[in-house]
Amino acid sequence: MNYIGFPDIIFSVNDYIFLSEPKLDTLVSVYNISTGEFKRFLNKGNGPDESIDIQQIGQYNDSCVFVRSTFSRELFIYHINDTLSIHPNKVKVDEKSASSCFVRDFHIYPQHDKNRFAIDDMKNNIHSDFGSILSVKNCPSDYISYILTGLCSGYSIGNKFVWASFYGDLIEIYDYSDMQDVRLERQFCGTLPIISMSGNSPVFSKESKLGIVSITGNDKYIFALYCDNYIKDISEKKDGILFCNKILVYDWTGMPIKIIKTDKFIRSISYNKKQNKIHCIGYDEQYNIKVFVMDIFD
């Protein structure tokens, strides 16, 4: 049936819009903008070509997308064409990696380690760890990389990437022109998570603020979907806690450009280079989930 359920992730590339569908038995929906074709793939389950959930959908290379689950150490790789492969290729990722970003021949990822990030040059088989541990009150340094989790977006014509924390207000832009000396080019650090320890485990305070829930970019700008809510708001807002109406825009030097206030509450954003538009998942006026299109400003 050609309908969307309650998607929580959107990824848009060329003529295709991919949606993560966590509440359906088939976890990914894809829509062809040009032909109107709609199909589903990746069954929910523990089988060899199945997944329990989806953490990310993103671009693997010019002809493929990847799908990553929260706990798996494998990526499902699908060719972007009119007949998505039922049996995807699989690529193993480092067991310490928390999410993935692919730019040209590089795999960039935040990791659960004393160095917060890593970069792999997949063409030349070179690996580099980088990123110093930040200080979060009441939280031992061993747990910081687990607390400061978030997603990355790459810069396709330069050697930069941006990372933003899902909790608190923290955005970092790195330059990896020299893989052996990756530089932190700009950091925006506001409110950090409020943590207490329960035995040997860190626990988020209900007063902890949420941060960037989705991030994307083009060759000029970074677009970060910013959440004003707190963990304590989940009892009232439930599934709506991650829906936001504020997009922070930066250039790739880290200069703040503007704040876009949207007239819809949005859960996820993705820039489509071919369409030169941002595709979004959001609520309409009747609180139905829809895919919306946002024009890019000059």
Protein backbone atom coordinates (compact mmCIF):
# COMPACT_ATOMS: atom_id res chain seq x y z
CA MET A 1 0.00 0.00 0.00
CA ASN A 2 1.36 3.42 -1.00
CA TYR A 3 1.24 5.34 2.25
CA ILE A 4 3.70 6.36 4.94
CA GLY A 5 3.30 5.35 8.56
CA PHE A 6 5.08 7.32 11.28
CA PRO A 7 8.58 7.84 9.82
CA ASP A 8 11.36 9.28 11.97
CA ILE A 9 14.23 9.64 9.45
CA ILE A 10 14.29 11.07 5.93
CA PHE A 11 17.11 10.82 3.41
CA SER A 12 16.78 12.36 -0.04
CA VAL A 13 19.14 11.83 -2.98
CA ASN A 14 18.68 12.38 -6.73
CA ASP A 15 15.08 11.32 -7.53
CA TYR A 16 14.59 9.28 -4.36
CA ILE A 17 13.18 9.93 -0.90
CA PHE A 18 13.93 7.25 1.71
CA LEU A 19 11.99 7.05 4.97
CA SER A 20 12.64 5.01 8.10
CA GLU A 21 9.39 3.41 9.29
CA PRO A 22 10.02 2.06 12.84
CA LYS A 23 6.37 1.16 13.52
CA LEU A 24 5.87 -0.94 10.38
CA ASP A 25 6.97 -4.50 9.66
CA THR A 26 8.97 -3.22 6.68
CA LEU A 27 11.42 -0.63 7.94
CA VAL A 28 12.22 1.47 4.85
CA SER A 29 9.95 3.16 2.32
CA VAL A 30 11.30 4.74 -0.87
CA TYR A 31 9.55 7.11 -3.26
CA ASN A 32 10.75 7.99 -6.78
CA ILE A 33 10.01 11.69 -7.34
CA SER A 34 10.17 11.36 -11.14
CA THR A 35 8.11 8.22 -11.69
CA GLY A 36 5.86 8.18 -8.63
CA GLU A 37 6.96 4.62 -7.83
CA PHE A 38 6.67 3.69 -4.14
CA LYS A 39 8.05 0.57 -2.52
CA ARG A 40 9.18 -0.87 0.80
CA PHE A 41 12.15 -3.00 1.76
CA LEU A 42 14.13 -4.33 4.76
CA ASN A 43 11.87 -6.48 6.90
CA LYS A 44 11.87 -6.11 10.68
CA GLY A 45 13.42 -9.12 12.41
CA ASN A 46 16.59 -11.00 13.34
CA GLY A 47 17.15 -12.76 10.01
CA PRO A 48 20.26 -12.35 7.82
CA ASP A 49 18.67 -9.65 5.64
CA GLU A 50 16.52 -8.13 8.39
CA SER A 51 16.97 -5.48 11.07
CA ILE A 52 15.38 -4.72 14.44
CA ASP A 53 15.46 -0.96 13.91
CA ILE A 54 17.08 1.85 11.93
CA GLN A 55 19.42 4.46 13.35
CA GLN A 56 20.53 6.06 10.06
CA ILE A 57 19.94 6.21 6.32
CA GLY A 58 22.61 7.99 4.30
CA GLN A 59 24.72 8.09 1.16
CA TYR A 60 27.45 5.44 0.91
CA ASN A 61 28.83 6.50 -2.49
CA ASP A 62 27.55 7.98 -5.76
CA SER A 63 25.44 4.91 -6.56
CA CYS A 64 24.53 3.45 -3.14
CA VAL A 65 22.77 4.29 0.12
CA PHE A 66 23.45 2.69 3.49
CA VAL A 67 21.05 1.69 6.23
CA ARG A 68 22.38 1.30 9.75
CA SER A 69 20.65 -0.12 12.83
CA THR A 70 21.35 0.96 16.40
CA PHE A 71 23.16 -2.15 17.59
CA SER A 72 24.42 -3.90 14.44
CA ARG A 73 28.06 -3.62 13.36
CA GLU A 74 27.07 -4.02 9.73
CA LEU A 75 25.67 -1.58 7.21
CA PHE A 76 23.10 -2.67 4.64
CA ILE A 77 24.19 -1.25 1.26
CA TYR A 78 21.57 -0.74 -1.47
CA HIS A 79 22.08 0.46 -5.04
CA ILE A 80 20.09 3.58 -5.92
CA ASN A 81 18.06 2.43 -8.89
CA ASP A 82 14.52 1.52 -9.86
CA THR A 83 14.81 -2.02 -8.50
CA LEU A 84 16.45 -1.84 -5.08
CA SER A 85 18.22 -5.11 -4.34
CA ILE A 86 16.27 -7.41 -2.05
CA HIS A 87 19.52 -8.92 -0.83
CA PRO A 88 21.82 -6.00 0.03
CA ASN A 89 25.57 -6.03 0.31
CA LYS A 90 26.86 -5.68 3.85
CA VAL A 91 29.83 -3.70 5.15
CA LYS A 92 31.26 -4.13 8.63
CA VAL A 93 31.95 -1.02 10.69
CA ASP A 94 34.18 -0.55 13.70
CA GLU A 95 32.55 -1.87 16.88
CA LYS A 96 33.27 1.46 18.62
CA SER A 97 31.52 3.56 15.97
CA ALA A 98 28.32 5.33 17.00
CA SER A 99 27.09 6.55 13.59
CA SER A 100 28.46 6.90 10.07
CA CYS A 101 29.19 9.60 7.49
CA PHE A 102 30.70 8.81 4.08
CA VAL A 103 32.36 11.51 1.97
CA ARG A 104 34.11 10.38 -1.20
CA ASP A 105 36.59 7.68 -0.03
CA PHE A 106 36.36 8.60 3.66
CA HIS A 107 34.30 7.06 6.45
CA ILE A 108 33.97 9.52 9.35
CA TYR A 109 32.33 8.51 12.60
CA PRO A 110 31.93 9.47 16.26
CA GLN A 111 33.06 6.59 18.43
CA HIS A 112 32.76 5.28 21.98
CA ASP A 113 36.42 5.70 22.89
CA LYS A 114 38.91 8.03 24.56
CA ASN A 115 39.20 9.74 21.16
CA ARG A 116 35.71 10.90 20.23
CA PHE A 117 36.08 10.52 16.45
CA ALA A 118 37.78 8.42 13.82
CA ILE A 119 38.31 8.69 10.08
CA ASP A 120 39.09 5.88 7.67
CA ASP A 121 40.56 6.46 4.23
CA MET A 122 38.95 3.41 2.63
CA LYS A 123 40.90 3.75 -0.63
CA ASN A 124 44.35 3.81 0.97
CA ASN A 125 43.47 1.83 4.12
CA ILE A 126 44.54 4.59 6.53
CA HIS A 127 42.93 5.09 9.96
CA SER A 128 43.16 8.05 12.33
CA ASP A 129 41.62 8.77 15.76
CA PHE A 130 41.08 12.31 16.98
CA GLY A 131 38.94 14.57 19.18
CA SER A 132 39.57 15.36 22.81
CA ILE A 133 37.18 14.37 25.59
CA LEU A 134 35.11 17.23 26.98
CA SER A 135 34.27 17.66 30.64
CA VAL A 136 30.68 17.00 31.73
CA LYS A 137 29.95 17.59 35.43
CA ASN A 138 29.51 14.40 37.50
CA CYS A 139 30.30 12.17 34.52
CA PRO A 140 33.56 10.16 34.44
CA SER A 141 35.59 10.74 31.27
CA ASP A 142 35.17 7.06 30.27
CA TYR A 143 31.46 7.70 29.68
CA ILE A 144 31.64 11.06 27.86
CA SER A 145 31.74 9.59 24.37
CA TYR A 146 28.57 7.62 25.18
CA ILE A 147 26.80 10.70 26.56
CA LEU A 148 27.74 13.07 23.74
CA THR A 149 26.18 11.07 20.95
CA GLY A 150 25.10 12.62 17.66
CA LEU A 151 25.24 12.63 13.86
CA CYS A 152 27.69 13.99 11.29
CA SER A 153 27.32 15.60 7.89
CA GLY A 154 30.12 15.93 5.34
CA TYR A 155 31.25 18.65 2.94
CA SER A 156 31.44 17.15 -0.54
CA ILE A 157 33.91 19.60 -2.11
CA GLY A 158 36.17 20.15 0.89
CA ASN A 159 37.78 18.19 3.69
CA LYS A 160 35.42 19.22 6.46
CA PHE A 161 32.63 17.64 8.43
CA VAL A 162 30.24 18.83 11.12
CA TRP A 163 29.11 16.91 14.19
CA ALA A 164 26.26 17.90 16.51
CA SER A 165 25.24 16.43 19.84
CA PHE A 166 21.77 14.95 20.31
CA TYR A 167 21.87 16.12 23.96
CA GLY A 168 22.69 19.67 25.01
CA ASP A 169 23.99 22.46 22.77
CA LEU A 170 27.24 21.34 21.15
CA ILE A 171 28.29 21.64 17.48
CA GLU A 172 31.81 21.06 16.13
CA ILE A 173 33.34 21.54 12.68
CA TYR A 174 36.54 19.66 11.82
CA ASP A 175 39.06 19.94 8.97
CA TYR A 176 40.65 16.63 7.96
CA SER A 177 42.89 17.89 5.12
CA ASP A 178 45.71 16.22 7.04
CA MET A 179 44.40 12.92 8.41
CA GLN A 180 47.26 12.75 10.91
CA ASP A 181 46.40 16.20 12.27
CA VAL A 182 42.64 16.65 12.14
CA ARG A 183 41.84 20.16 13.36
CA LEU A 184 38.86 21.41 15.32
CA GLU A 185 37.97 24.49 13.27
CA ARG A 186 34.97 25.77 15.22
CA GLN A 187 33.08 24.73 18.34
CA PHE A 188 29.77 26.02 19.67
CA CYS A 189 29.25 24.86 23.24
CA GLY A 190 26.26 25.95 25.29
CA THR A 191 24.28 23.79 27.67
CA LEU A 192 25.77 20.34 28.24
CA PRO A 193 23.79 17.34 29.50
CA ILE A 194 23.09 17.15 33.25
CA ILE A 195 24.33 13.80 34.51
CA SER A 196 24.29 11.89 37.78
CA MET A 197 25.78 8.47 38.50
CA SER A 198 23.69 5.50 39.57
CA GLY A 199 26.26 2.97 40.65
CA ASN A 200 28.62 2.76 37.71
CA SER A 201 26.14 4.05 35.15
CA PRO A 202 25.50 7.66 34.09
CA VAL A 203 21.86 8.79 34.21
CA PHE A 204 20.41 11.80 32.39
CA SER A 205 18.59 14.33 34.56
CA LYS A 206 15.06 15.17 33.45
CA GLU A 207 16.35 18.75 33.27
CA SER A 208 18.79 17.79 30.49
CA LYS A 209 18.11 19.59 27.25
CA LEU A 210 17.83 17.93 23.87
CA GLY A 211 19.92 19.35 21.03
CA ILE A 212 20.32 18.71 17.30
CA VAL A 213 17.98 15.92 16.20
CA SER A 214 18.82 16.01 12.47
CA ILE A 215 21.61 17.56 10.40
CA THR A 216 22.31 17.97 6.70
CA GLY A 217 24.24 20.29 4.42
CA ASN A 218 25.20 21.41 0.93
CA ASP A 219 28.41 22.93 -0.43
CA LYS A 220 27.62 26.32 1.15
CA TYR A 221 25.69 25.70 4.34
CA ILE A 222 25.08 23.41 7.31
CA PHE A 223 21.43 22.94 8.32
CA ALA A 224 20.86 21.74 11.90
CA LEU A 225 17.35 20.93 13.18
CA TYR A 226 17.33 22.30 16.71
CA CYS A 227 15.15 20.95 19.52
CA ASP A 228 14.09 23.26 22.38
CA ASN A 229 12.64 20.44 24.49
CA TYR A 230 13.91 18.79 27.66
CA ILE A 231 13.87 15.13 28.67
CA LYS A 232 11.16 15.94 31.22
CA ASP A 233 8.86 16.97 28.34
CA ILE A 234 8.53 13.40 27.09
CA SER A 235 5.68 12.65 29.52
CA GLU A 236 3.60 15.40 27.91
CA LYS A 237 4.77 15.39 24.28
CA LYS A 238 5.52 11.67 23.89
CA ASP A 239 6.34 10.94 20.21
CA GLY A 240 6.20 14.66 19.46
CA ILE A 241 9.14 15.53 21.69
CA LEU A 242 11.62 15.44 18.79
CA PHE A 243 9.52 17.58 16.44
CA CYS A 244 10.98 21.09 16.08
CA ASN A 245 10.39 24.30 14.14
CA LYS A 246 13.85 25.85 14.20
CA ILE A 247 16.72 25.20 11.75
CA LEU A 248 20.13 26.70 12.55
CA VAL A 249 22.14 27.63 9.44
CA TYR A 250 25.94 27.97 9.40
CA ASP A 251 28.50 28.24 6.66
CA TRP A 252 31.43 25.79 6.59
CA THR A 253 33.73 28.19 8.47
CA GLY A 254 31.23 27.99 11.35
CA MET A 255 29.81 31.45 10.80
CA PRO A 256 26.14 31.60 11.90
CA ILE A 257 24.05 32.67 8.90
CA LYS A 258 20.43 32.65 10.06
CA ILE A 259 17.73 30.82 11.98
CA ILE A 260 14.86 29.46 9.90
CA LYS A 261 11.53 29.27 11.77
CA THR A 262 9.34 26.75 9.98
CA ASP A 263 5.54 26.85 9.94
CA LYS A 264 5.49 23.07 10.48
CA PHE A 265 6.95 21.00 13.30
CA ILE A 266 9.67 18.85 11.73
CA ARG A 267 11.36 15.62 12.83
CA SER A 268 14.07 15.07 10.19
CA ILE A 269 15.66 17.00 7.29
CA SER A 270 17.73 16.03 4.24
CA TYR A 271 19.26 18.23 1.52
CA ASN A 272 18.83 16.96 -2.04
CA LYS A 273 21.54 18.32 -4.35
CA LYS A 274 19.75 17.45 -7.62
CA GLN A 275 16.50 19.07 -6.51
CA ASN A 276 18.35 21.84 -4.60
CA LYS A 277 15.76 21.56 -1.85
CA ILE A 278 15.50 20.33 1.72
CA HIS A 279 13.04 17.48 2.22
CA CYS A 280 11.47 17.22 5.68
CA ILE A 281 9.21 14.95 7.72
CA GLY A 282 6.69 16.97 9.73
CA TYR A 283 3.18 17.46 11.02
CA ASP A 284 0.50 19.14 8.93
CA GLU A 285 -2.32 21.24 10.46
CA GLN A 286 -4.30 18.07 11.32
CA TYR A 287 -1.23 16.48 12.96
CA ASN A 288 -0.78 14.00 10.13
CA ILE A 289 2.78 13.06 9.21
CA LYS A 290 3.74 14.37 5.77
CA VAL A 291 6.84 14.93 3.65
CA PHE A 292 7.40 18.65 3.03
CA VAL A 293 9.74 20.49 0.64
CA MET A 294 11.72 23.59 1.60
CA ASP A 295 13.38 25.88 -0.95
CA ILE A 296 17.02 26.84 -0.39
CA PHE A 297 17.75 30.55 0.03
CA ASP A 298 20.61 32.20 -1.88
